[in-house]
């Protein structure tokens, strides 16, 4: 149902996490001036193919928009929709933690400095949107339960 605000939050979360699959998430540069890019496909030189695939990050980035789109169509099963939305929230936070871990490990191995891109904050915004959607679904569930008590 599009008229529910949590559906709009879930659509926005799906779009933002879908945008993570395109382009670079972050650029890294070392002392010699070599530019590395960390993206959906992995870590590699900025203009070349990735030399280090980041499979856990790739899987999480691919699963989050699918879960968000699935949760939109589960409006009749609010408890399952709430669980999926909470999973979106946790996976978005996991994306942040995993990305920070990879940056930390690459910094230790390659002595790099980060060049932040706007896409670096998309998982945080997706987590916030998932939390707002969860609150909206919870309000709907409480409203339905209150109507059941009146009957």
C-alpha atoms as a PDB file:
ATOM      1  CA  UNK A   1       0.000   0.000   0.000  1.00  0.00           C
ATOM      2  CA  UNK A   2       1.580   3.206  -1.158  1.00  0.00           C
ATOM      3  CA  UNK A   3      -0.532   5.466   1.075  1.00  0.00           C
ATOM      4  CA  UNK A   4       1.249   4.266   4.206  1.00  0.00           C
ATOM      5  CA  UNK A   5       4.272   6.325   5.220  1.00  0.00           C
ATOM      6  CA  UNK A   6       6.310   3.230   6.082  1.00  0.00           C
ATOM      7  CA  UNK A   7       5.968   2.097   2.472  1.00  0.00           C
ATOM      8  CA  UNK A   8       7.598   5.326   1.358  1.00  0.00           C
ATOM      9  CA  UNK A   9      10.379   4.781   3.887  1.00  0.00           C
ATOM     10  CA  UNK A  10      10.923   1.252   2.587  1.00  0.00           C
ATOM     11  CA  UNK A  11      10.947   2.451  -1.042  1.00  0.00           C
ATOM     12  CA  UNK A  12      13.522   5.113  -0.162  1.00  0.00           C
ATOM     13  CA  UNK A  13      15.616   2.504   1.676  1.00  0.00           C
ATOM     14  CA  UNK A  14      15.435   0.167  -1.338  1.00  0.00           C
ATOM     15  CA  UNK A  15      16.475   2.946  -3.731  1.00  0.00           C
ATOM     16  CA  UNK A  16      19.376   4.109  -1.561  1.00  0.00           C
ATOM     17  CA  UNK A  17      20.686   0.603  -0.987  1.00  0.00           C
ATOM     18  CA  UNK A  18      20.193  -0.150  -4.689  1.00  0.00           C
ATOM     19  CA  UNK A  19      22.346   2.853  -5.535  1.00  0.00           C
ATOM     20  CA  UNK A  20      25.165   1.266  -3.527  1.00  0.00           C
ATOM     21  CA  UNK A  21      25.469  -1.320  -6.297  1.00  0.00           C
ATOM     22  CA  UNK A  22      26.639   1.334  -8.745  1.00  0.00           C
ATOM     23  CA  UNK A  23      29.916   3.212  -8.652  1.00  0.00           C
ATOM     24  CA  UNK A  24      32.351   3.541  -5.792  1.00  0.00           C
ATOM     25  CA  UNK A  25      31.505   3.593  -2.115  1.00  0.00           C
ATOM     26  CA  UNK A  26      34.811   5.077  -1.107  1.00  0.00           C
ATOM     27  CA  UNK A  27      38.121   6.055  -2.645  1.00  0.00           C
ATOM     28  CA  UNK A  28      41.413   5.245  -0.965  1.00  0.00           C
ATOM     29  CA  UNK A  29      44.772   6.736  -1.848  1.00  0.00           C
ATOM     30  CA  UNK A  30      48.232   5.750  -0.662  1.00  0.00           C
ATOM     31  CA  UNK A  31      51.493   7.689  -0.319  1.00  0.00           C
ATOM     32  CA  UNK A  32      52.522   7.100  -3.936  1.00  0.00           C
ATOM     33  CA  UNK A  33      49.283   8.600  -5.217  1.00  0.00           C
ATOM     34  CA  UNK A  34      47.703   5.350  -6.366  1.00  0.00           C
ATOM     35  CA  UNK A  35      43.937   5.608  -6.175  1.00  0.00           C
ATOM     36  CA  UNK A  36      41.967   2.562  -5.027  1.00  0.00           C
ATOM     37  CA  UNK A  37      38.205   2.270  -5.081  1.00  0.00           C
ATOM     38  CA  UNK A  38      36.037   0.216  -2.771  1.00  0.00           C
ATOM     39  CA  UNK A  39      32.695  -0.628  -4.267  1.00  0.00           C
ATOM     40  CA  UNK A  40      30.076  -3.282  -4.788  1.00  0.00           C
ATOM     41  CA  UNK A  41      32.420  -5.520  -6.760  1.00  0.00           C
ATOM     42  CA  UNK A  42      35.360  -5.211  -4.378  1.00  0.00           C
ATOM     43  CA  UNK A  43      38.580  -3.305  -3.892  1.00  0.00           C
ATOM     44  CA  UNK A  44      40.685  -2.409  -6.882  1.00  0.00           C
ATOM     45  CA  UNK A  45      42.452   0.386  -8.621  1.00  0.00           C
ATOM     46  CA  UNK A  46      40.142   3.249  -9.476  1.00  0.00           C
ATOM     47  CA  UNK A  47      40.057   2.609 -13.232  1.00  0.00           C
ATOM     48  CA  UNK A  48      40.620  -1.135 -13.249  1.00  0.00           C
ATOM     49  CA  UNK A  49      39.035  -4.379 -12.242  1.00  0.00           C
ATOM     50  CA  UNK A  50      38.879  -5.252  -8.545  1.00  0.00           C
ATOM     51  CA  UNK A  51      41.757  -7.336  -7.263  1.00  0.00           C
ATOM     52  CA  UNK A  52      40.164  -8.098  -3.875  1.00  0.00           C
ATOM     53  CA  UNK A  53      36.514  -9.200  -3.926  1.00  0.00           C
ATOM     54  CA  UNK A  54      34.565  -8.290  -0.813  1.00  0.00           C
ATOM     55  CA  UNK A  55      31.923 -11.028  -0.867  1.00  0.00           C
ATOM     56  CA  UNK A  56      30.254 -10.395   2.502  1.00  0.00           C
ATOM     57  CA  UNK A  57      29.810  -6.717   1.691  1.00  0.00           C
ATOM     58  CA  UNK A  58      28.557  -7.549  -1.806  1.00  0.00           C
ATOM     59  CA  UNK A  59      25.984 -10.006  -0.496  1.00  0.00           C
ATOM     60  CA  UNK A  60      24.682  -7.612   2.155  1.00  0.00           C
ATOM     61  CA  UNK A  61      24.426  -4.754  -0.331  1.00  0.00           C
ATOM     62  CA  UNK A  62      22.491  -7.003  -2.747  1.00  0.00           C
ATOM     63  CA  UNK A  63      20.137  -8.445  -0.105  1.00  0.00           C
ATOM     64  CA  UNK A  64      19.000  -5.183   1.532  1.00  0.00           C
ATOM     65  CA  UNK A  65      17.039  -3.782  -1.457  1.00  0.00           C
ATOM     66  CA  UNK A  66      15.455  -7.189  -2.070  1.00  0.00           C
ATOM     67  CA  UNK A  67      14.299  -7.382   1.538  1.00  0.00           C
ATOM     68  CA  UNK A  68      12.958  -3.831   1.398  1.00  0.00           C
ATOM     69  CA  UNK A  69      10.946  -4.542  -1.733  1.00  0.00           C
ATOM     70  CA  UNK A  70       9.677  -7.786  -0.229  1.00  0.00           C
ATOM     71  CA  UNK A  71       8.640  -6.022   2.968  1.00  0.00           C
ATOM     72  CA  UNK A  72       6.596  -3.497   0.984  1.00  0.00           C
ATOM     73  CA  UNK A  73       4.332  -6.223  -0.382  1.00  0.00           C
ATOM     74  CA  UNK A  74       3.831  -7.913   3.002  1.00  0.00           C
ATOM     75  CA  UNK A  75       1.453  -5.236   4.290  1.00  0.00           C
ATOM     76  CA  UNK A  76      -1.151  -7.861   5.235  1.00  0.00           C
ATOM     77  CA  UNK A  77       1.360  -9.758   7.380  1.00  0.00           C
ATOM     78  CA  UNK A  78       2.594  -7.000   9.636  1.00  0.00           C
ATOM     79  CA  UNK A  79       4.539  -9.229  12.026  1.00  0.00           C
ATOM     80  CA  UNK A  80       6.593 -10.666   9.149  1.00  0.00           C
ATOM     81  CA  UNK A  81       6.950  -7.170   7.690  1.00  0.00           C
ATOM     82  CA  UNK A  82       8.283  -5.931  11.042  1.00  0.00           C
ATOM     83  CA  UNK A  83      10.830  -8.773  11.173  1.00  0.00           C
ATOM     84  CA  UNK A  84      12.048  -8.062   7.647  1.00  0.00           C
ATOM     85  CA  UNK A  85      12.302  -4.353   8.396  1.00  0.00           C
ATOM     86  CA  UNK A  86      14.348  -5.090  11.506  1.00  0.00           C
ATOM     87  CA  UNK A  87      16.578  -7.346   9.402  1.00  0.00           C
ATOM     88  CA  UNK A  88      17.047  -4.459   6.926  1.00  0.00           C
ATOM     89  CA  UNK A  89      18.030  -2.235   9.844  1.00  0.00           C
ATOM     90  CA  UNK A  90      20.546  -4.749  11.184  1.00  0.00           C
ATOM     91  CA  UNK A  91      22.027  -5.463   7.746  1.00  0.00           C
ATOM     92  CA  UNK A  92      22.425  -1.746   7.068  1.00  0.00           C
ATOM     93  CA  UNK A  93      24.290  -1.337  10.343  1.00  0.00           C
ATOM     94  CA  UNK A  94      26.281  -4.443   9.392  1.00  0.00           C
ATOM     95  CA  UNK A  95      27.207  -2.758   6.115  1.00  0.00           C
ATOM     96  CA  UNK A  96      28.600   0.189   8.054  1.00  0.00           C
ATOM     97  CA  UNK A  97      30.575  -2.025  10.416  1.00  0.00           C
ATOM     98  CA  UNK A  98      31.889  -4.255   7.630  1.00  0.00           C
ATOM     99  CA  UNK A  99      32.876  -1.257   5.511  1.00  0.00           C
ATOM    100  CA  UNK A 100      34.717   0.269   8.455  1.00  0.00           C
ATOM    101  CA  UNK A 101      36.468  -3.057   9.073  1.00  0.00           C
ATOM    102  CA  UNK A 102      37.607  -3.297   5.437  1.00  0.00           C
ATOM    103  CA  UNK A 103      38.870   0.273   5.456  1.00  0.00           C
ATOM    104  CA  UNK A 104      40.759  -0.391   8.690  1.00  0.00           C
ATOM    105  CA  UNK A 105      42.327  -3.570   7.269  1.00  0.00           C
ATOM    106  CA  UNK A 106      43.301  -1.882   3.993  1.00  0.00           C
ATOM    107  CA  UNK A 107      44.778   0.986   5.963  1.00  0.00           C
ATOM    108  CA  UNK A 108      46.948  -1.442   7.895  1.00  0.00           C
ATOM    109  CA  UNK A 109      48.086  -3.281   4.748  1.00  0.00           C
ATOM    110  CA  UNK A 110      48.415  -0.456   2.245  1.00  0.00           C
ATOM    111  CA  UNK A 111      48.715   2.652   4.443  1.00  0.00           C
ATOM    112  CA  UNK A 112      45.902   4.489   2.710  1.00  0.00           C
ATOM    113  CA  UNK A 113      43.907   7.613   3.402  1.00  0.00           C
ATOM    114  CA  UNK A 114      40.194   7.799   2.728  1.00  0.00           C
ATOM    115  CA  UNK A 115      38.430  10.049   0.291  1.00  0.00           C
ATOM    116  CA  UNK A 116      34.796  10.033   1.369  1.00  0.00           C
ATOM    117  CA  UNK A 117      32.001   9.784  -1.177  1.00  0.00           C
ATOM    118  CA  UNK A 118      28.371  10.654  -0.514  1.00  0.00           C
ATOM    119  CA  UNK A 119      27.485   6.969  -0.907  1.00  0.00           C
ATOM    120  CA  UNK A 120      29.391   6.226   2.288  1.00  0.00           C
ATOM    121  CA  UNK A 121      26.464   7.512   4.357  1.00  0.00           C
ATOM    122  CA  UNK A 122      23.748   5.657   2.410  1.00  0.00           C
ATOM    123  CA  UNK A 123      23.797   2.616   4.764  1.00  0.00           C
ATOM    124  CA  UNK A 124      23.296   4.945   7.741  1.00  0.00           C
ATOM    125  CA  UNK A 125      20.378   6.687   6.017  1.00  0.00           C
ATOM    126  CA  UNK A 126      18.959   3.275   5.055  1.00  0.00           C
ATOM    127  CA  UNK A 127      19.150   2.159   8.694  1.00  0.00           C
ATOM    128  CA  UNK A 128      17.332   5.309   9.823  1.00  0.00           C
ATOM    129  CA  UNK A 129      14.639   4.812   7.178  1.00  0.00           C
ATOM    130  CA  UNK A 130      14.222   1.168   8.208  1.00  0.00           C
ATOM    131  CA  UNK A 131      13.805   2.251  11.835  1.00  0.00           C
ATOM    132  CA  UNK A 132      11.174   4.815  10.835  1.00  0.00           C
ATOM    133  CA  UNK A 133       9.369   2.184   8.759  1.00  0.00           C
ATOM    134  CA  UNK A 134       9.463  -0.225  11.703  1.00  0.00           C
ATOM    135  CA  UNK A 135       7.871   2.403  13.928  1.00  0.00           C
ATOM    136  CA  UNK A 136       5.128   2.999  11.354  1.00  0.00           C
ATOM    137  CA  UNK A 137       4.389  -0.709  11.021  1.00  0.00           C
ATOM    138  CA  UNK A 138       4.299  -1.027  14.805  1.00  0.00           C
ATOM    139  CA  UNK A 139       1.786   1.834  15.022  1.00  0.00           C
ATOM    140  CA  UNK A 140      -0.409   0.102  12.445  1.00  0.00           C
ATOM    141  CA  UNK A 141      -0.218  -3.145  14.389  1.00  0.00           C
ATOM    142  CA  UNK A 142      -1.203  -1.406  17.629  1.00  0.00           C
ATOM    143  CA  UNK A 143      -4.093   0.307  15.861  1.00  0.00           C
ATOM    144  CA  UNK A 144      -5.402  -2.989  14.489  1.00  0.00           C
ATOM    145  CA  UNK A 145      -5.096  -4.639  17.898  1.00  0.00           C
ATOM    146  CA  UNK A 146      -6.996  -1.784  19.543  1.00  0.00           C
ATOM    147  CA  UNK A 147      -9.841  -2.215  17.045  1.00  0.00           C
ATOM    148  CA  UNK A 148      -9.921  -5.928  17.825  1.00  0.00           C
ATOM    149  CA  UNK A 149     -10.411  -5.164  21.522  1.00  0.00           C
ATOM    150  CA  UNK A 150     -13.418  -2.985  20.739  1.00  0.00           C
ATOM    151  CA  UNK A 151     -15.320  -5.729  18.935  1.00  0.00           C
END
